[in-house]
Amino acid sequence: MRSFLAAGLIHEMTITTAPVLLGRGLPLFGALEHDVDLTHVRTAVLGAGFVQSTYVVTS
């Protein structure tokens, strides 16, 4: 995913959040060379606490 972001090949992404807190946390994409600006497109509540958000990459 990082190499696709760096190459500008990701135009839209959907991230689903599960209702679980991880003790130490895990980076979703790992270290990135620079910030990636996102514009929120929509959010849907899927039930059982799951939330799905879609973003367009603007950087």
PDB file of N, CA and C in Angstrom:
ATOM      1  N   MET A   1       0.824  -1.177   0.000  1.00  0.00           N
ATOM      2  CA  MET A   1       0.000   0.000   0.000  1.00  0.00           C
ATOM      3  C   MET A   1       0.877   1.252   0.000  1.00  0.00           C
ATOM      4  N   ARG A   2       1.949   1.225   0.793  1.00  0.00           N
ATOM      5  CA  ARG A   2       2.839   2.400   0.856  1.00  0.00           C
ATOM      6  C   ARG A   2       3.433   2.736  -0.500  1.00  0.00           C
ATOM      7  N   SER A   3       3.875   1.722  -1.231  1.00  0.00           N
ATOM      8  CA  SER A   3       4.496   2.002  -2.536  1.00  0.00           C
ATOM      9  C   SER A   3       3.462   2.529  -3.528  1.00  0.00           C
ATOM     10  N   PHE A   4       2.226   2.045  -3.453  1.00  0.00           N
ATOM     11  CA  PHE A   4       1.169   2.562  -4.330  1.00  0.00           C
ATOM     12  C   PHE A   4       0.838   4.008  -3.975  1.00  0.00           C
ATOM     13  N   LEU A   5       0.787   4.332  -2.685  1.00  0.00           N
ATOM     14  CA  LEU A   5       0.558   5.721  -2.271  1.00  0.00           C
ATOM     15  C   LEU A   5       1.691   6.621  -2.747  1.00  0.00           C
ATOM     16  N   ALA A   6       2.929   6.165  -2.554  1.00  0.00           N
ATOM     17  CA  ALA A   6       4.095   6.958  -2.966  1.00  0.00           C
ATOM     18  C   ALA A   6       4.109   7.198  -4.469  1.00  0.00           C
ATOM     19  N   ALA A   7       3.626   6.239  -5.242  1.00  0.00           N
ATOM     20  CA  ALA A   7       3.616   6.365  -6.703  1.00  0.00           C
ATOM     21  C   ALA A   7       2.386   7.112  -7.218  1.00  0.00           C
ATOM     22  N   GLY A   8       1.494   7.520  -6.307  1.00  0.00           N
ATOM     23  CA  GLY A   8       0.306   8.256  -6.718  1.00  0.00           C
ATOM     24  C   GLY A   8      -0.742   7.384  -7.394  1.00  0.00           C
ATOM     25  N   LEU A   9      -0.734   6.096  -7.097  1.00  0.00           N
ATOM     26  CA  LEU A   9      -1.648   5.166  -7.761  1.00  0.00           C
ATOM     27  C   LEU A   9      -2.933   4.912  -6.972  1.00  0.00           C
ATOM     28  N   ILE A  10      -3.031   5.448  -5.779  1.00  0.00           N
ATOM     29  CA  ILE A  10      -4.244   5.298  -4.976  1.00  0.00           C
ATOM     30  C   ILE A  10      -5.038   6.595  -5.094  1.00  0.00           C
ATOM     31  N   HIS A  11      -6.266   6.514  -5.579  1.00  0.00           N
ATOM     32  CA  HIS A  11      -7.088   7.699  -5.763  1.00  0.00           C
ATOM     33  C   HIS A  11      -8.231   7.765  -4.759  1.00  0.00           C
ATOM     34  N   GLU A  12      -8.620   6.597  -4.257  1.00  0.00           N
ATOM     35  CA  GLU A  12      -9.705   6.538  -3.279  1.00  0.00           C
ATOM     36  C   GLU A  12      -9.434   5.357  -2.362  1.00  0.00           C
ATOM     37  N   MET A  13      -9.765   5.512  -1.078  1.00  0.00           N
ATOM     38  CA  MET A  13      -9.608   4.388  -0.166  1.00  0.00           C
ATOM     39  C   MET A  13     -10.776   4.330   0.801  1.00  0.00           C
ATOM     40  N   THR A  14     -11.142   3.117   1.139  1.00  0.00           N
ATOM     41  CA  THR A  14     -12.196   2.876   2.107  1.00  0.00           C
ATOM     42  C   THR A  14     -11.568   2.161   3.296  1.00  0.00           C
ATOM     43  N   ILE A  15     -11.786   2.724   4.467  1.00  0.00           N
ATOM     44  CA  ILE A  15     -11.215   2.171   5.693  1.00  0.00           C
ATOM     45  C   ILE A  15     -12.360   1.740   6.605  1.00  0.00           C
ATOM     46  N   THR A  16     -12.322   0.493   7.039  1.00  0.00           N
ATOM     47  CA  THR A  16     -13.333  -0.034   7.949  1.00  0.00           C
ATOM     48  C   THR A  16     -12.731  -0.121   9.344  1.00  0.00           C
ATOM     49  N   THR A  17     -13.447   0.443  10.304  1.00  0.00           N
ATOM     50  CA  THR A  17     -12.991   0.459  11.692  1.00  0.00           C
ATOM     51  C   THR A  17     -13.799  -0.553  12.493  1.00  0.00           C
ATOM     52  N   ALA A  18     -13.083  -1.408  13.217  1.00  0.00           N
ATOM     53  CA  ALA A  18     -13.719  -2.404  14.077  1.00  0.00           C
ATOM     54  C   ALA A  18     -13.713  -1.886  15.511  1.00  0.00           C
ATOM     55  N   PRO A  19     -14.732  -2.231  16.290  1.00  0.00           N
ATOM     56  CA  PRO A  19     -14.838  -1.724  17.652  1.00  0.00           C
ATOM     57  C   PRO A  19     -13.951  -2.482  18.646  1.00  0.00           C
ATOM     58  N   VAL A  20     -12.627  -2.430  18.420  1.00  0.00           N
ATOM     59  CA  VAL A  20     -11.664  -3.099  19.298  1.00  0.00           C
ATOM     60  C   VAL A  20     -10.502  -2.145  19.530  1.00  0.00           C
ATOM     61  N   LEU A  21     -10.113  -1.964  20.780  1.00  0.00           N
ATOM     62  CA  LEU A  21      -8.929  -1.161  21.086  1.00  0.00           C
ATOM     63  C   LEU A  21      -7.739  -2.090  21.250  1.00  0.00           C
ATOM     64  N   LEU A  22      -6.685  -1.818  20.506  1.00  0.00           N
ATOM     65  CA  LEU A  22      -5.467  -2.605  20.607  1.00  0.00           C
ATOM     66  C   LEU A  22      -4.552  -1.944  21.626  1.00  0.00           C
ATOM     67  N   GLY A  23      -4.031  -2.715  22.535  1.00  0.00           N
ATOM     68  CA  GLY A  23      -3.211  -2.182  23.617  1.00  0.00           C
ATOM     69  C   GLY A  23      -2.081  -1.277  23.155  1.00  0.00           C
ATOM     70  N   ARG A  24      -1.315  -1.679  22.204  1.00  0.00           N
ATOM     71  CA  ARG A  24      -0.195  -0.877  21.727  1.00  0.00           C
ATOM     72  C   ARG A  24      -0.494  -0.213  20.398  1.00  0.00           C
ATOM     73  N   GLY A  25      -1.497  -0.663  19.728  1.00  0.00           N
ATOM     74  CA  GLY A  25      -1.846  -0.084  18.434  1.00  0.00           C
ATOM     75  C   GLY A  25      -0.930  -0.581  17.327  1.00  0.00           C
ATOM     76  N   LEU A  26      -1.439  -0.539  16.141  1.00  0.00           N
ATOM     77  CA  LEU A  26      -0.681  -0.944  14.967  1.00  0.00           C
ATOM     78  C   LEU A  26      -0.853   0.128  13.905  1.00  0.00           C
ATOM     79  N   PRO A  27       0.245   0.571  13.264  1.00  0.00           N
ATOM     80  CA  PRO A  27       0.095   1.552  12.203  1.00  0.00           C
ATOM     81  C   PRO A  27      -0.644   0.928  11.023  1.00  0.00           C
ATOM     82  N   LEU A  28      -1.580   1.678  10.494  1.00  0.00           N
ATOM     83  CA  LEU A  28      -2.391   1.157   9.400  1.00  0.00           C
ATOM     84  C   LEU A  28      -1.570   0.963   8.127  1.00  0.00           C
ATOM     85  N   PHE A  29      -0.675   1.902   7.836  1.00  0.00           N
ATOM     86  CA  PHE A  29       0.117   1.820   6.614  1.00  0.00           C
ATOM     87  C   PHE A  29       1.614   1.796   6.873  1.00  0.00           C
ATOM     88  N   GLY A  30       2.038   1.875   8.120  1.00  0.00           N
ATOM     89  CA  GLY A  30       3.462   1.952   8.414  1.00  0.00           C
ATOM     90  C   GLY A  30       3.962   3.360   8.147  1.00  0.00           C
ATOM     91  N   ALA A  31       5.257   3.521   8.178  1.00  0.00           N
ATOM     92  CA  ALA A  31       5.861   4.840   7.968  1.00  0.00           C
ATOM     93  C   ALA A  31       5.685   5.273   6.509  1.00  0.00           C
ATOM     94  N   LEU A  32       5.251   6.514   6.335  1.00  0.00           N
ATOM     95  CA  LEU A  32       5.113   7.088   4.994  1.00  0.00           C
ATOM     96  C   LEU A  32       6.144   8.188   4.821  1.00  0.00           C
ATOM     97  N   GLU A  33       6.592   8.400   3.597  1.00  0.00           N
ATOM     98  CA  GLU A  33       7.601   9.425   3.325  1.00  0.00           C
ATOM     99  C   GLU A  33       7.064  10.828   3.547  1.00  0.00           C
ATOM    100  N   HIS A  34       5.761  11.035   3.381  1.00  0.00           N
ATOM    101  CA  HIS A  34       5.160  12.350   3.575  1.00  0.00           C
ATOM    102  C   HIS A  34       3.694  12.163   3.940  1.00  0.00           C
ATOM    103  N   ASP A  35       3.072  13.208   4.433  1.00  0.00           N
ATOM    104  CA  ASP A  35       1.649  13.152   4.751  1.00  0.00           C
ATOM    105  C   ASP A  35       0.848  12.959   3.463  1.00  0.00           C
ATOM    106  N   VAL A  36      -0.259  12.270   3.573  1.00  0.00           N
ATOM    107  CA  VAL A  36      -1.169  12.064   2.446  1.00  0.00           C
ATOM    108  C   VAL A  36      -2.479  12.750   2.814  1.00  0.00           C
ATOM    109  N   ASP A  37      -2.829  13.805   2.080  1.00  0.00           N
ATOM    110  CA  ASP A  37      -4.067  14.529   2.347  1.00  0.00           C
ATOM    111  C   ASP A  37      -5.257  13.755   1.793  1.00  0.00           C
ATOM    112  N   LEU A  38      -6.301  13.673   2.619  1.00  0.00           N
ATOM    113  CA  LEU A  38      -7.510  12.956   2.232  1.00  0.00           C
ATOM    114  C   LEU A  38      -8.716  13.870   2.358  1.00  0.00           C
ATOM    115  N   THR A  39      -9.683  13.683   1.482  1.00  0.00           N
ATOM    116  CA  THR A  39     -10.958  14.381   1.568  1.00  0.00           C
ATOM    117  C   THR A  39     -12.035  13.340   1.839  1.00  0.00           C
ATOM    118  N   HIS A  40     -12.801  13.574   2.896  1.00  0.00           N
ATOM    119  CA  HIS A  40     -13.852  12.633   3.276  1.00  0.00           C
ATOM    120  C   HIS A  40     -14.970  12.646   2.243  1.00  0.00           C
ATOM    121  N   VAL A  41     -15.412  11.455   1.824  1.00  0.00           N
ATOM    122  CA  VAL A  41     -16.477  11.324   0.831  1.00  0.00           C
ATOM    123  C   VAL A  41     -17.771  10.853   1.496  1.00  0.00           C
ATOM    124  N   ARG A  42     -17.672   9.790   2.296  1.00  0.00           N
ATOM    125  CA  ARG A  42     -18.876   9.272   2.959  1.00  0.00           C
ATOM    126  C   ARG A  42     -18.470   8.354   4.112  1.00  0.00           C
ATOM    127  N   THR A  43     -19.403   8.155   5.011  1.00  0.00           N
ATOM    128  CA  THR A  43     -19.245   7.216   6.116  1.00  0.00           C
ATOM    129  C   THR A  43     -20.525   6.415   6.238  1.00  0.00           C
ATOM    130  N   ALA A  44     -20.378   5.123   6.466  1.00  0.00           N
ATOM    131  CA  ALA A  44     -21.529   4.241   6.648  1.00  0.00           C
ATOM    132  C   ALA A  44     -21.345   3.453   7.934  1.00  0.00           C
ATOM    133  N   VAL A  45     -22.427   3.309   8.684  1.00  0.00           N
ATOM    134  CA  VAL A  45     -22.429   2.465   9.874  1.00  0.00           C
ATOM    135  C   VAL A  45     -22.920   1.095   9.432  1.00  0.00           C
ATOM    136  N   LEU A  46     -22.094   0.071   9.650  1.00  0.00           N
ATOM    137  CA  LEU A  46     -22.391  -1.265   9.137  1.00  0.00           C
ATOM    138  C   LEU A  46     -23.088  -2.153  10.159  1.00  0.00           C
ATOM    139  N   GLY A  47     -23.157  -1.739  11.388  1.00  0.00           N
ATOM    140  CA  GLY A  47     -23.744  -2.567  12.437  1.00  0.00           C
ATOM    141  C   GLY A  47     -22.668  -3.245  13.259  1.00  0.00           C
ATOM    142  N   ALA A  48     -23.039  -3.691  14.430  1.00  0.00           N
ATOM    143  CA  ALA A  48     -22.114  -4.353  15.363  1.00  0.00           C
ATOM    144  C   ALA A  48     -20.919  -3.466  15.688  1.00  0.00           C
ATOM    145  N   GLY A  49     -21.073  -2.152  15.541  1.00  0.00           N
ATOM    146  CA  GLY A  49     -20.000  -1.218  15.866  1.00  0.00           C
ATOM    147  C   GLY A  49     -19.030  -0.922  14.739  1.00  0.00           C
ATOM    148  N   PHE A  50     -19.158  -1.581  13.608  1.00  0.00           N
ATOM    149  CA  PHE A  50     -18.263  -1.340  12.481  1.00  0.00           C
ATOM    150  C   PHE A  50     -18.665  -0.059  11.748  1.00  0.00           C
ATOM    151  N   VAL A  51     -17.656   0.726  11.376  1.00  0.00           N
ATOM    152  CA  VAL A  51     -17.874   1.975  10.641  1.00  0.00           C
ATOM    153  C   VAL A  51     -16.954   1.963   9.430  1.00  0.00           C
ATOM    154  N   GLN A  52     -17.486   2.338   8.279  1.00  0.00           N
ATOM    155  CA  GLN A  52     -16.700   2.337   7.041  1.00  0.00           C
ATOM    156  C   GLN A  52     -16.682   3.751   6.473  1.00  0.00           C
ATOM    157  N   SER A  53     -15.474   4.301   6.298  1.00  0.00           N
ATOM    158  CA  SER A  53     -15.317   5.656   5.766  1.00  0.00           C
ATOM    159  C   SER A  53     -14.537   5.606   4.460  1.00  0.00           C
ATOM    160  N   THR A  54     -14.987   6.399   3.503  1.00  0.00           N
ATOM    161  CA  THR A  54     -14.333   6.476   2.200  1.00  0.00           C
ATOM    162  C   THR A  54     -13.728   7.857   2.025  1.00  0.00           C
ATOM    163  N   TYR A  55     -12.511   7.899   1.504  1.00  0.00           N
ATOM    164  CA  TYR A  55     -11.771   9.136   1.305  1.00  0.00           C
ATOM    165  C   TYR A  55     -11.197   9.169  -0.101  1.00  0.00           C
ATOM    166  N   VAL A  56     -11.053  10.387  -0.651  1.00  0.00           N
ATOM    167  CA  VAL A  56     -10.346  10.597  -1.914  1.00  0.00           C
ATOM    168  C   VAL A  56      -8.985  11.167  -1.554  1.00  0.00           C
ATOM    169  N   VAL A  57      -7.943  10.635  -2.184  1.00  0.00           N
ATOM    170  CA  VAL A  57      -6.580  11.127  -1.959  1.00  0.00           C
ATOM    171  C   VAL A  57      -6.430  12.439  -2.722  1.00  0.00           C
ATOM    172  N   THR A  58      -6.050  13.514  -2.010  1.00  0.00           N
ATOM    173  CA  THR A  58      -5.959  14.827  -2.640  1.00  0.00           C
ATOM    174  C   THR A  58      -4.540  15.350  -2.726  1.00  0.00           C
ATOM    175  N   SER A  59      -3.559  14.587  -2.266  1.00  0.00           N
ATOM    176  CA  SER A  59      -2.172  15.091  -2.349  1.00  0.00           C
ATOM    177  C   SER A  59      -1.405  14.370  -3.428  1.00  0.00           C
TER     178      SER A  59
END
